[in-house]
Amino acid sequence: MAEPNDQINQLRQELRRGIVVLAVLSQLDTARYGYGLIQRLAEMGLEIEEGTLYPLLRRLEQQGLLESVWDTSETRPRKYYQISTTGRDVLTTLRAEWLETVTVMRRLLEGDKHD
């Protein structure tokens, strides 16, 4: 059987998986390159590894939720991502769903005082 700390880490990872898409979409109104996005999310309290972020960015772009452009003006080319119109619509829906879920979970975790 797994150690309690291992179990907690595994469960924490499962919880985070569900919010990464929402977090990424929420930060791409302004075009950002991958590492800059990692830094921005970390500043806001959400640590994401490169191995998680870059495949996600590619998948979201393939799904039409992000657009990208290469900046080759510097010595090292960078691919900048920005939310697309479709991505904005999806973000609006996911944001509403998230806020509703937080309300429900708060009720569940704090207990309904009106039983």
PDB file of N, CA and C in Angstrom:
ATOM      1  N   MET A   1       0.836  -1.187   0.000  1.00  0.00           N
ATOM      2  CA  MET A   1       0.000   0.000   0.000  1.00  0.00           C
ATOM      3  C   MET A   1       0.881   1.250   0.000  1.00  0.00           C
ATOM      4  N   ALA A   2       0.440   2.277  -0.691  1.00  0.00           N
ATOM      5  CA  ALA A   2       1.213   3.507  -0.828  1.00  0.00           C
ATOM      6  C   ALA A   2       1.305   4.244   0.509  1.00  0.00           C
ATOM      7  N   GLU A   3       2.427   4.921   0.705  1.00  0.00           N
ATOM      8  CA  GLU A   3       2.607   5.762   1.886  1.00  0.00           C
ATOM      9  C   GLU A   3       1.613   6.915   1.838  1.00  0.00           C
ATOM     10  N   PRO A   4       1.175   7.414   3.006  1.00  0.00           N
ATOM     11  CA  PRO A   4       0.205   8.527   3.011  1.00  0.00           C
ATOM     12  C   PRO A   4       0.665   9.743   2.209  1.00  0.00           C
ATOM     13  N   ASN A   5       1.940  10.115   2.313  1.00  0.00           N
ATOM     14  CA  ASN A   5       2.437  11.269   1.560  1.00  0.00           C
ATOM     15  C   ASN A   5       2.398  11.011   0.058  1.00  0.00           C
ATOM     16  N   ASP A   6       2.729   9.775  -0.354  1.00  0.00           N
ATOM     17  CA  ASP A   6       2.664   9.415  -1.769  1.00  0.00           C
ATOM     18  C   ASP A   6       1.228   9.492  -2.262  1.00  0.00           C
ATOM     19  N   GLN A   7       0.316   9.005  -1.441  1.00  0.00           N
ATOM     20  CA  GLN A   7      -1.107   9.055  -1.796  1.00  0.00           C
ATOM     21  C   GLN A   7      -1.579  10.489  -1.948  1.00  0.00           C
ATOM     22  N   ILE A   8      -1.200  11.323  -1.001  1.00  0.00           N
ATOM     23  CA  ILE A   8      -1.613  12.732  -1.048  1.00  0.00           C
ATOM     24  C   ILE A   8      -1.044  13.397  -2.286  1.00  0.00           C
ATOM     25  N   ASN A   9       0.216  13.156  -2.581  1.00  0.00           N
ATOM     26  CA  ASN A   9       0.828  13.750  -3.781  1.00  0.00           C
ATOM     27  C   ASN A   9       0.126  13.294  -5.046  1.00  0.00           C
ATOM     28  N   GLN A  10      -0.232  12.023  -5.101  1.00  0.00           N
ATOM     29  CA  GLN A  10      -0.926  11.485  -6.270  1.00  0.00           C
ATOM     30  C   GLN A  10      -2.318  12.119  -6.410  1.00  0.00           C
ATOM     31  N   LEU A  11      -3.023  12.233  -5.319  1.00  0.00           N
ATOM     32  CA  LEU A  11      -4.362  12.841  -5.352  1.00  0.00           C
ATOM     33  C   LEU A  11      -4.281  14.337  -5.674  1.00  0.00           C
ATOM     34  N   ARG A  12      -3.273  15.005  -5.145  1.00  0.00           N
ATOM     35  CA  ARG A  12      -3.077  16.428  -5.447  1.00  0.00           C
ATOM     36  C   ARG A  12      -2.834  16.613  -6.945  1.00  0.00           C
ATOM     37  N   GLN A  13      -2.046  15.711  -7.524  1.00  0.00           N
ATOM     38  CA  GLN A  13      -1.760  15.761  -8.952  1.00  0.00           C
ATOM     39  C   GLN A  13      -3.041  15.581  -9.775  1.00  0.00           C
ATOM     40  N   GLU A  14      -3.899  14.666  -9.344  1.00  0.00           N
ATOM     41  CA  GLU A  14      -5.174  14.457 -10.034  1.00  0.00           C
ATOM     42  C   GLU A  14      -6.046  15.706  -9.974  1.00  0.00           C
ATOM     43  N   LEU A  15      -6.095  16.362  -8.832  1.00  0.00           N
ATOM     44  CA  LEU A  15      -6.872  17.593  -8.710  1.00  0.00           C
ATOM     45  C   LEU A  15      -6.340  18.680  -9.645  1.00  0.00           C
ATOM     46  N   ARG A  16      -5.032  18.815  -9.699  1.00  0.00           N
ATOM     47  CA  ARG A  16      -4.411  19.859 -10.524  1.00  0.00           C
ATOM     48  C   ARG A  16      -4.622  19.632 -12.019  1.00  0.00           C
ATOM     49  N   ARG A  17      -4.636  18.359 -12.429  1.00  0.00           N
ATOM     50  CA  ARG A  17      -4.807  18.052 -13.858  1.00  0.00           C
ATOM     51  C   ARG A  17      -6.048  18.714 -14.424  1.00  0.00           C
ATOM     52  N   GLY A  18      -7.080  18.764 -13.633  1.00  0.00           N
ATOM     53  CA  GLY A  18      -8.338  19.316 -14.103  1.00  0.00           C
ATOM     54  C   GLY A  18      -8.353  20.827 -14.250  1.00  0.00           C
ATOM     55  N   ILE A  19      -7.400  21.512 -13.639  1.00  0.00           N
ATOM     56  CA  ILE A  19      -7.436  22.975 -13.691  1.00  0.00           C
ATOM     57  C   ILE A  19      -6.390  23.595 -14.615  1.00  0.00           C
ATOM     58  N   VAL A  20      -5.466  22.794 -15.099  1.00  0.00           N
ATOM     59  CA  VAL A  20      -4.359  23.352 -15.891  1.00  0.00           C
ATOM     60  C   VAL A  20      -4.850  24.009 -17.174  1.00  0.00           C
ATOM     61  N   VAL A  21      -5.791  23.395 -17.875  1.00  0.00           N
ATOM     62  CA  VAL A  21      -6.309  23.990 -19.114  1.00  0.00           C
ATOM     63  C   VAL A  21      -6.940  25.347 -18.815  1.00  0.00           C
ATOM     64  N   LEU A  22      -7.764  25.405 -17.792  1.00  0.00           N
ATOM     65  CA  LEU A  22      -8.412  26.656 -17.413  1.00  0.00           C
ATOM     66  C   LEU A  22      -7.375  27.712 -17.043  1.00  0.00           C
ATOM     67  N   ALA A  23      -6.377  27.315 -16.285  1.00  0.00           N
ATOM     68  CA  ALA A  23      -5.328  28.255 -15.883  1.00  0.00           C
ATOM     69  C   ALA A  23      -4.571  28.802 -17.089  1.00  0.00           C
ATOM     70  N   VAL A  24      -4.204  27.919 -18.006  1.00  0.00           N
ATOM     71  CA  VAL A  24      -3.447  28.338 -19.191  1.00  0.00           C
ATOM     72  C   VAL A  24      -4.276  29.282 -20.060  1.00  0.00           C
ATOM     73  N   LEU A  25      -5.496  28.898 -20.354  1.00  0.00           N
ATOM     74  CA  LEU A  25      -6.344  29.757 -21.184  1.00  0.00           C
ATOM     75  C   LEU A  25      -6.551  31.125 -20.541  1.00  0.00           C
ATOM     76  N   SER A  26      -6.664  31.149 -19.223  1.00  0.00           N
ATOM     77  CA  SER A  26      -6.931  32.408 -18.527  1.00  0.00           C
ATOM     78  C   SER A  26      -5.763  33.392 -18.613  1.00  0.00           C
ATOM     79  N   GLN A  27      -4.571  32.910 -18.930  1.00  0.00           N
ATOM     80  CA  GLN A  27      -3.391  33.772 -18.946  1.00  0.00           C
ATOM     81  C   GLN A  27      -2.903  34.127 -20.345  1.00  0.00           C
ATOM     82  N   LEU A  28      -3.667  33.771 -21.367  1.00  0.00           N
ATOM     83  CA  LEU A  28      -3.178  33.999 -22.731  1.00  0.00           C
ATOM     84  C   LEU A  28      -3.962  35.052 -23.513  1.00  0.00           C
ATOM     85  N   ASP A  29      -4.572  35.991 -22.815  1.00  0.00           N
ATOM     86  CA  ASP A  29      -5.127  37.152 -23.516  1.00  0.00           C
ATOM     87  C   ASP A  29      -3.990  37.935 -24.159  1.00  0.00           C
ATOM     88  N   THR A  30      -2.858  37.931 -23.492  1.00  0.00           N
ATOM     89  CA  THR A  30      -1.631  38.523 -24.008  1.00  0.00           C
ATOM     90  C   THR A  30      -0.766  37.388 -24.525  1.00  0.00           C
ATOM     91  N   ALA A  31      -0.172  37.575 -25.699  1.00  0.00           N
ATOM     92  CA  ALA A  31       0.682  36.528 -26.269  1.00  0.00           C
ATOM     93  C   ALA A  31       1.874  36.271 -25.343  1.00  0.00           C
ATOM     94  N   ARG A  32       2.125  35.009 -25.080  1.00  0.00           N
ATOM     95  CA  ARG A  32       3.239  34.608 -24.218  1.00  0.00           C
ATOM     96  C   ARG A  32       3.928  33.388 -24.827  1.00  0.00           C
ATOM     97  N   TYR A  33       5.222  33.288 -24.611  1.00  0.00           N
ATOM     98  CA  TYR A  33       5.933  32.078 -25.000  1.00  0.00           C
ATOM     99  C   TYR A  33       5.922  31.131 -23.805  1.00  0.00           C
ATOM    100  N   GLY A  34       6.216  29.869 -24.035  1.00  0.00           N
ATOM    101  CA  GLY A  34       6.061  28.839 -23.016  1.00  0.00           C
ATOM    102  C   GLY A  34       6.713  29.150 -21.686  1.00  0.00           C
ATOM    103  N   TYR A  35       8.003  29.495 -21.706  1.00  0.00           N
ATOM    104  CA  TYR A  35       8.695  29.739 -20.451  1.00  0.00           C
ATOM    105  C   TYR A  35       8.112  30.951 -19.728  1.00  0.00           C
ATOM    106  N   GLY A  36       7.742  31.972 -20.485  1.00  0.00           N
ATOM    107  CA  GLY A  36       7.113  33.150 -19.884  1.00  0.00           C
ATOM    108  C   GLY A  36       5.788  32.798 -19.227  1.00  0.00           C
ATOM    109  N   LEU A  37       5.057  31.876 -19.831  1.00  0.00           N
ATOM    110  CA  LEU A  37       3.785  31.427 -19.262  1.00  0.00           C
ATOM    111  C   LEU A  37       4.035  30.623 -17.986  1.00  0.00           C
ATOM    112  N   ILE A  38       5.059  29.785 -17.991  1.00  0.00           N
ATOM    113  CA  ILE A  38       5.421  29.031 -16.784  1.00  0.00           C
ATOM    114  C   ILE A  38       5.724  29.999 -15.638  1.00  0.00           C
ATOM    115  N   GLN A  39       6.482  31.043 -15.940  1.00  0.00           N
ATOM    116  CA  GLN A  39       6.816  32.036 -14.921  1.00  0.00           C
ATOM    117  C   GLN A  39       5.566  32.762 -14.420  1.00  0.00           C
ATOM    118  N   ARG A  40       4.700  33.155 -15.335  1.00  0.00           N
ATOM    119  CA  ARG A  40       3.471  33.870 -14.971  1.00  0.00           C
ATOM    120  C   ARG A  40       2.601  33.008 -14.051  1.00  0.00           C
ATOM    121  N   LEU A  41       2.406  31.755 -14.422  1.00  0.00           N
ATOM    122  CA  LEU A  41       1.591  30.859 -13.603  1.00  0.00           C
ATOM    123  C   LEU A  41       2.223  30.648 -12.234  1.00  0.00           C
ATOM    124  N   ALA A  42       3.550  30.516 -12.193  1.00  0.00           N
ATOM    125  CA  ALA A  42       4.246  30.346 -10.913  1.00  0.00           C
ATOM    126  C   ALA A  42       4.068  31.583 -10.034  1.00  0.00           C
ATOM    127  N   GLU A  43       4.145  32.774 -10.635  1.00  0.00           N
ATOM    128  CA  GLU A  43       3.922  34.011  -9.882  1.00  0.00           C
ATOM    129  C   GLU A  43       2.534  34.033  -9.242  1.00  0.00           C
ATOM    130  N   MET A  44       1.588  33.419  -9.927  1.00  0.00           N
ATOM    131  CA  MET A  44       0.212  33.394  -9.443  1.00  0.00           C
ATOM    132  C   MET A  44      -0.041  32.207  -8.503  1.00  0.00           C
ATOM    133  N   GLY A  45       0.973  31.354  -8.296  1.00  0.00           N
ATOM    134  CA  GLY A  45       0.868  30.261  -7.342  1.00  0.00           C
ATOM    135  C   GLY A  45       0.645  28.884  -7.933  1.00  0.00           C
ATOM    136  N   LEU A  46       0.725  28.757  -9.254  1.00  0.00           N
ATOM    137  CA  LEU A  46       0.521  27.461  -9.895  1.00  0.00           C
ATOM    138  C   LEU A  46       1.794  27.040 -10.619  1.00  0.00           C
ATOM    139  N   GLU A  47       2.486  26.063 -10.053  1.00  0.00           N
ATOM    140  CA  GLU A  47       3.719  25.549 -10.649  1.00  0.00           C
ATOM    141  C   GLU A  47       3.362  24.505 -11.713  1.00  0.00           C
ATOM    142  N   ILE A  48       3.900  24.687 -12.920  1.00  0.00           N
ATOM    143  CA  ILE A  48       3.699  23.736 -14.014  1.00  0.00           C
ATOM    144  C   ILE A  48       5.055  23.444 -14.638  1.00  0.00           C
ATOM    145  N   GLU A  49       5.315  22.179 -14.861  1.00  0.00           N
ATOM    146  CA  GLU A  49       6.582  21.784 -15.463  1.00  0.00           C
ATOM    147  C   GLU A  49       6.512  21.922 -16.979  1.00  0.00           C
ATOM    148  N   GLU A  50       7.667  22.139 -17.592  1.00  0.00           N
ATOM    149  CA  GLU A  50       7.744  22.272 -19.049  1.00  0.00           C
ATOM    150  C   GLU A  50       7.166  21.048 -19.738  1.00  0.00           C
ATOM    151  N   GLY A  51       7.447  19.867 -19.187  1.00  0.00           N
ATOM    152  CA  GLY A  51       6.966  18.621 -19.781  1.00  0.00           C
ATOM    153  C   GLY A  51       5.454  18.481 -19.754  1.00  0.00           C
ATOM    154  N   THR A  52       4.803  19.260 -18.934  1.00  0.00           N
ATOM    155  CA  THR A  52       3.346  19.291 -18.883  1.00  0.00           C
ATOM    156  C   THR A  52       2.815  20.391 -19.789  1.00  0.00           C
ATOM    157  N   LEU A  53       3.459  21.557 -19.748  1.00  0.00           N
ATOM    158  CA  LEU A  53       2.931  22.720 -20.459  1.00  0.00           C
ATOM    159  C   LEU A  53       3.049  22.620 -21.976  1.00  0.00           C
ATOM    160  N   TYR A  54       4.217  22.280 -22.481  1.00  0.00           N
ATOM    161  CA  TYR A  54       4.406  22.329 -23.933  1.00  0.00           C
ATOM    162  C   TYR A  54       3.490  21.369 -24.702  1.00  0.00           C
ATOM    163  N   PRO A  55       3.325  20.130 -24.247  1.00  0.00           N
ATOM    164  CA  PRO A  55       2.354  19.264 -24.949  1.00  0.00           C
ATOM    165  C   PRO A  55       0.928  19.821 -24.864  1.00  0.00           C
ATOM    166  N   LEU A  56       0.598  20.437 -23.724  1.00  0.00           N
ATOM    167  CA  LEU A  56      -0.726  21.024 -23.568  1.00  0.00           C
ATOM    168  C   LEU A  56      -0.923  22.178 -24.548  1.00  0.00           C
ATOM    169  N   LEU A  57       0.073  23.043 -24.683  1.00  0.00           N
ATOM    170  CA  LEU A  57      -0.027  24.164 -25.624  1.00  0.00           C
ATOM    171  C   LEU A  57      -0.235  23.659 -27.049  1.00  0.00           C
ATOM    172  N   ARG A  58       0.504  22.639 -27.432  1.00  0.00           N
ATOM    173  CA  ARG A  58       0.345  22.077 -28.787  1.00  0.00           C
ATOM    174  C   ARG A  58      -1.049  21.490 -28.981  1.00  0.00           C
ATOM    175  N   ARG A  59      -1.542  20.791 -27.960  1.00  0.00           N
ATOM    176  CA  ARG A  59      -2.879  20.188 -28.049  1.00  0.00           C
ATOM    177  C   ARG A  59      -3.958  21.265 -28.139  1.00  0.00           C
ATOM    178  N   LEU A  60      -3.844  22.314 -27.330  1.00  0.00           N
ATOM    179  CA  LEU A  60      -4.838  23.386 -27.364  1.00  0.00           C
ATOM    180  C   LEU A  60      -4.809  24.132 -28.696  1.00  0.00           C
ATOM    181  N   GLU A  61      -3.622  24.252 -29.272  1.00  0.00           N
ATOM    182  CA  GLU A  61      -3.518  24.878 -30.594  1.00  0.00           C
ATOM    183  C   GLU A  61      -4.178  23.990 -31.645  1.00  0.00           C
ATOM    184  N   GLN A  62      -3.936  22.692 -31.595  1.00  0.00           N
ATOM    185  CA  GLN A  62      -4.560  21.762 -32.545  1.00  0.00           C
ATOM    186  C   GLN A  62      -6.084  21.776 -32.415  1.00  0.00           C
ATOM    187  N   GLN A  63      -6.571  22.008 -31.212  1.00  0.00           N
ATOM    188  CA  GLN A  63      -8.015  22.059 -30.981  1.00  0.00           C
ATOM    189  C   GLN A  63      -8.620  23.404 -31.368  1.00  0.00           C
ATOM    190  N   GLY A  64      -7.777  24.351 -31.778  1.00  0.00           N
ATOM    191  CA  GLY A  64      -8.262  25.656 -32.205  1.00  0.00           C
ATOM    192  C   GLY A  64      -8.512  26.628 -31.068  1.00  0.00           C
ATOM    193  N   LEU A  65      -8.046  26.300 -29.869  1.00  0.00           N
ATOM    194  CA  LEU A  65      -8.262  27.173 -28.721  1.00  0.00           C
ATOM    195  C   LEU A  65      -7.162  28.217 -28.572  1.00  0.00           C
ATOM    196  N   LEU A  66      -6.020  27.952 -29.186  1.00  0.00           N
ATOM    197  CA  LEU A  66      -4.888  28.878 -29.172  1.00  0.00           C
ATOM    198  C   LEU A  66      -4.418  29.131 -30.589  1.00  0.00           C
ATOM    199  N   GLU A  67      -3.801  30.285 -30.762  1.00  0.00           N
ATOM    200  CA  GLU A  67      -3.110  30.608 -32.012  1.00  0.00           C
ATOM    201  C   GLU A  67      -1.659  30.857 -31.644  1.00  0.00           C
ATOM    202  N   SER A  68      -0.755  30.648 -32.596  1.00  0.00           N
ATOM    203  CA  SER A  68       0.656  30.882 -32.291  1.00  0.00           C
ATOM    204  C   SER A  68       1.335  31.608 -33.437  1.00  0.00           C
ATOM    205  N   VAL A  69       2.433  32.249 -33.097  1.00  0.00           N
ATOM    206  CA  VAL A  69       3.262  32.926 -34.081  1.00  0.00           C
ATOM    207  C   VAL A  69       4.708  32.833 -33.599  1.00  0.00           C
ATOM    208  N   TRP A  70       5.622  32.634 -34.555  1.00  0.00           N
ATOM    209  CA  TRP A  70       7.048  32.582 -34.232  1.00  0.00           C
ATOM    210  C   TRP A  70       7.630  33.981 -34.264  1.00  0.00           C
ATOM    211  N   ASP A  71       8.432  34.313 -33.266  1.00  0.00           N
ATOM    212  CA  ASP A  71       9.185  35.563 -33.247  1.00  0.00           C
ATOM    213  C   ASP A  71      10.643  35.190 -33.487  1.00  0.00           C
ATOM    214  N   THR A  72      11.144  35.580 -34.643  1.00  0.00           N
ATOM    215  CA  THR A  72      12.527  35.248 -34.996  1.00  0.00           C
ATOM    216  C   THR A  72      13.433  36.479 -34.954  1.00  0.00           C
ATOM    217  N   SER A  73      12.961  37.544 -34.319  1.00  0.00           N
ATOM    218  CA  SER A  73      13.746  38.779 -34.288  1.00  0.00           C
ATOM    219  C   SER A  73      14.929  38.694 -33.321  1.00  0.00           C
ATOM    220  N   GLU A  74      14.907  37.756 -32.402  1.00  0.00           N
ATOM    221  CA  GLU A  74      16.004  37.601 -31.461  1.00  0.00           C
ATOM    222  C   GLU A  74      16.881  36.423 -31.891  1.00  0.00           C
ATOM    223  N   THR A  75      17.988  36.230 -31.207  1.00  0.00           N
ATOM    224  CA  THR A  75      18.898  35.148 -31.579  1.00  0.00           C
ATOM    225  C   THR A  75      18.249  33.780 -31.425  1.00  0.00           C
ATOM    226  N   ARG A  76      17.376  33.659 -30.433  1.00  0.00           N
ATOM    227  CA  ARG A  76      16.676  32.389 -30.224  1.00  0.00           C
ATOM    228  C   ARG A  76      15.201  32.584 -30.566  1.00  0.00           C
ATOM    229  N   PRO A  77      14.728  31.930 -31.613  1.00  0.00           N
ATOM    230  CA  PRO A  77      13.311  32.075 -31.985  1.00  0.00           C
ATOM    231  C   PRO A  77      12.400  31.573 -30.868  1.00  0.00           C
ATOM    232  N   ARG A  78      11.270  32.267 -30.697  1.00  0.00           N
ATOM    233  CA  ARG A  78      10.299  31.879 -29.681  1.00  0.00           C
ATOM    234  C   ARG A  78       8.924  31.781 -30.312  1.00  0.00           C
ATOM    235  N   LYS A  79       8.187  30.777 -29.878  1.00  0.00           N
ATOM    236  CA  LYS A  79       6.820  30.608 -30.341  1.00  0.00           C
ATOM    237  C   LYS A  79       5.897  31.214 -29.282  1.00  0.00           C
ATOM    238  N   TYR A  80       5.123  32.199 -29.702  1.00  0.00           N
ATOM    239  CA  TYR A  80       4.191  32.878 -28.804  1.00  0.00           C
ATOM    240  C   TYR A  80       2.788  32.339 -29.020  1.00  0.00           C
ATOM    241  N   TYR A  81       2.096  32.094 -27.921  1.00  0.00           N
ATOM    242  CA  TYR A  81       0.730  31.579 -27.961  1.00  0.00           C
ATOM    243  C   TYR A  81      -0.225  32.643 -27.432  1.00  0.00           C
ATOM    244  N   GLN A  82      -1.415  32.673 -28.034  1.00  0.00           N
ATOM    245  CA  GLN A  82      -2.470  33.573 -27.574  1.00  0.00           C
ATOM    246  C   GLN A  82      -3.806  32.871 -27.757  1.00  0.00           C
ATOM    247  N   ILE A  83      -4.740  33.189 -26.885  1.00  0.00           N
ATOM    248  CA  ILE A  83      -6.053  32.553 -26.951  1.00  0.00           C
ATOM    249  C   ILE A  83      -6.773  33.000 -28.232  1.00  0.00           C
ATOM    250  N   SER A  84      -7.465  32.075 -28.867  1.00  0.00           N
ATOM    251  CA  SER A  84      -8.229  32.372 -30.079  1.00  0.00           C
ATOM    252  C   SER A  84      -9.654  32.774 -29.701  1.00  0.00           C
ATOM    253  N   THR A  85     -10.428  33.168 -30.678  1.00  0.00           N
ATOM    254  CA  THR A  85     -11.830  33.509 -30.430  1.00  0.00           C
ATOM    255  C   THR A  85     -12.576  32.299 -29.871  1.00  0.00           C
ATOM    256  N   THR A  86     -12.348  31.138 -30.455  1.00  0.00           N
ATOM    257  CA  THR A  86     -12.964  29.905 -29.948  1.00  0.00           C
ATOM    258  C   THR A  86     -12.490  29.635 -28.527  1.00  0.00           C
ATOM    259  N   GLY A  87     -11.213  29.854 -28.282  1.00  0.00           N
ATOM    260  CA  GLY A  87     -10.658  29.663 -26.942  1.00  0.00           C
ATOM    261  C   GLY A  87     -11.305  30.573 -25.920  1.00  0.00           C
ATOM    262  N   ARG A  88     -11.606  31.811 -26.320  1.00  0.00           N
ATOM    263  CA  ARG A  88     -12.285  32.742 -25.406  1.00  0.00           C
ATOM    264  C   ARG A  88     -13.676  32.224 -25.037  1.00  0.00           C
ATOM    265  N   ASP A  89     -14.382  31.697 -26.037  1.00  0.00           N
ATOM    266  CA  ASP A  89     -15.712  31.128 -25.772  1.00  0.00           C
ATOM    267  C   ASP A  89     -15.606  29.946 -24.813  1.00  0.00           C
ATOM    268  N   VAL A  90     -14.628  29.084 -25.053  1.00  0.00           N
ATOM    269  CA  VAL A  90     -14.425  27.921 -24.182  1.00  0.00           C
ATOM    270  C   VAL A  90     -14.043  28.382 -22.782  1.00  0.00           C
ATOM    271  N   LEU A  91     -13.164  29.366 -22.684  1.00  0.00           N
ATOM    272  CA  LEU A  91     -12.748  29.894 -21.384  1.00  0.00           C
ATOM    273  C   LEU A  91     -13.945  30.439 -20.614  1.00  0.00           C
ATOM    274  N   THR A  92     -14.821  31.155 -21.275  1.00  0.00           N
ATOM    275  CA  THR A  92     -16.011  31.705 -20.618  1.00  0.00           C
ATOM    276  C   THR A  92     -16.857  30.575 -20.030  1.00  0.00           C
ATOM    277  N   THR A  93     -17.056  29.521 -20.814  1.00  0.00           N
ATOM    278  CA  THR A  93     -17.850  28.379 -20.349  1.00  0.00           C
ATOM    279  C   THR A  93     -17.161  27.650 -19.204  1.00  0.00           C
ATOM    280  N   LEU A  94     -15.856  27.369 -19.364  1.00  0.00           N
ATOM    281  CA  LEU A  94     -15.119  26.664 -18.316  1.00  0.00           C
ATOM    282  C   LEU A  94     -15.034  27.485 -17.030  1.00  0.00           C
ATOM    283  N   ARG A  95     -14.878  28.795 -17.180  1.00  0.00           N
ATOM    284  CA  ARG A  95     -14.816  29.668 -16.001  1.00  0.00           C
ATOM    285  C   ARG A  95     -16.115  29.592 -15.210  1.00  0.00           C
ATOM    286  N   ALA A  96     -17.248  29.671 -15.890  1.00  0.00           N
ATOM    287  CA  ALA A  96     -18.547  29.578 -15.221  1.00  0.00           C
ATOM    288  C   ALA A  96     -18.699  28.220 -14.540  1.00  0.00           C
ATOM    289  N   GLU A  97     -18.299  27.172 -15.241  1.00  0.00           N
ATOM    290  CA  GLU A  97     -18.377  25.821 -14.683  1.00  0.00           C
ATOM    291  C   GLU A  97     -17.497  25.700 -13.442  1.00  0.00           C
ATOM    292  N   TRP A  98     -16.277  26.248 -13.522  1.00  0.00           N
ATOM    293  CA  TRP A  98     -15.354  26.204 -12.397  1.00  0.00           C
ATOM    294  C   TRP A  98     -15.933  26.928 -11.187  1.00  0.00           C
ATOM    295  N   LEU A  99     -16.452  28.134 -11.386  1.00  0.00           N
ATOM    296  CA  LEU A  99     -16.994  28.908 -10.271  1.00  0.00           C
ATOM    297  C   LEU A  99     -18.186  28.195  -9.631  1.00  0.00           C
ATOM    298  N   GLU A 100     -18.994  27.551 -10.446  1.00  0.00           N
ATOM    299  CA  GLU A 100     -20.116  26.776  -9.915  1.00  0.00           C
ATOM    300  C   GLU A 100     -19.601  25.577  -9.109  1.00  0.00           C
ATOM    301  N   THR A 101     -18.579  24.914  -9.626  1.00  0.00           N
ATOM    302  CA  THR A 101     -17.991  23.773  -8.934  1.00  0.00           C
ATOM    303  C   THR A 101     -17.385  24.195  -7.598  1.00  0.00           C
ATOM    304  N   VAL A 102     -16.705  25.321  -7.577  1.00  0.00           N
ATOM    305  CA  VAL A 102     -16.118  25.826  -6.331  1.00  0.00           C
ATOM    306  C   VAL A 102     -17.220  26.090  -5.305  1.00  0.00           C
ATOM    307  N   THR A 103     -18.326  26.667  -5.732  1.00  0.00           N
ATOM    308  CA  THR A 103     -19.448  26.925  -4.833  1.00  0.00           C
ATOM    309  C   THR A 103     -19.990  25.629  -4.246  1.00  0.00           C
ATOM    310  N   VAL A 104     -20.183  24.630  -5.095  1.00  0.00           N
ATOM    311  CA  VAL A 104     -20.694  23.335  -4.640  1.00  0.00           C
ATOM    312  C   VAL A 104     -19.705  22.690  -3.671  1.00  0.00           C
ATOM    313  N   MET A 105     -18.417  22.696  -4.041  1.00  0.00           N
ATOM    314  CA  MET A 105     -17.413  22.059  -3.190  1.00  0.00           C
ATOM    315  C   MET A 105     -17.281  22.777  -1.850  1.00  0.00           C
ATOM    316  N   ARG A 106     -17.380  24.081  -1.858  1.00  0.00           N
ATOM    317  CA  ARG A 106     -17.320  24.830  -0.598  1.00  0.00           C
ATOM    318  C   ARG A 106     -18.474  24.405   0.311  1.00  0.00           C
ATOM    319  N   ARG A 107     -19.643  24.276  -0.293  1.00  0.00           N
ATOM    320  CA  ARG A 107     -20.819  23.829   0.470  1.00  0.00           C
ATOM    321  C   ARG A 107     -20.588  22.428   1.042  1.00  0.00           C
ATOM    322  N   LEU A 108     -20.063  21.535   0.205  1.00  0.00           N
ATOM    323  CA  LEU A 108     -19.814  20.168   0.647  1.00  0.00           C
ATOM    324  C   LEU A 108     -18.740  20.092   1.732  1.00  0.00           C
ATOM    325  N   LEU A 109     -17.650  20.808   1.525  1.00  0.00           N
ATOM    326  CA  LEU A 109     -16.531  20.713   2.455  1.00  0.00           C
ATOM    327  C   LEU A 109     -16.775  21.446   3.771  1.00  0.00           C
ATOM    328  N   GLU A 110     -17.527  22.519   3.717  1.00  0.00           N
ATOM    329  CA  GLU A 110     -17.815  23.269   4.929  1.00  0.00           C
ATOM    330  C   GLU A 110     -19.039  22.729   5.632  1.00  0.00           C
ATOM    331  N   GLY A 111     -19.797  21.909   4.932  1.00  0.00           N
ATOM    332  CA  GLY A 111     -21.001  21.317   5.505  1.00  0.00           C
ATOM    333  C   GLY A 111     -22.179  22.256   5.381  1.00  0.00           C
ATOM    334  N   ASP A 112     -23.304  21.684   5.083  1.00  0.00           N
ATOM    335  CA  ASP A 112     -24.536  22.462   4.995  1.00  0.00           C
ATOM    336  C   ASP A 112     -25.073  22.628   6.403  1.00  0.00           C
ATOM    337  N   LYS A 113     -25.097  23.831   6.891  1.00  0.00           N
ATOM    338  CA  LYS A 113     -25.506  24.116   8.275  1.00  0.00           C
ATOM    339  C   LYS A 113     -27.011  24.051   8.465  1.00  0.00           C
ATOM    340  N   HIS A 114     -27.751  23.734   7.389  1.00  0.00           N
ATOM    341  CA  HIS A 114     -29.215  23.753   7.441  1.00  0.00           C
ATOM    342  C   HIS A 114     -29.808  22.356   7.414  1.00  0.00           C
ATOM    343  N   ASP A 115     -29.006  21.323   7.775  1.00  0.00           N
ATOM    344  CA  ASP A 115     -29.528  19.936   7.759  1.00  0.00           C
ATOM    345  C   ASP A 115     -30.619  19.745   8.779  1.00  0.00           C
TER     346      ASP A 115
END
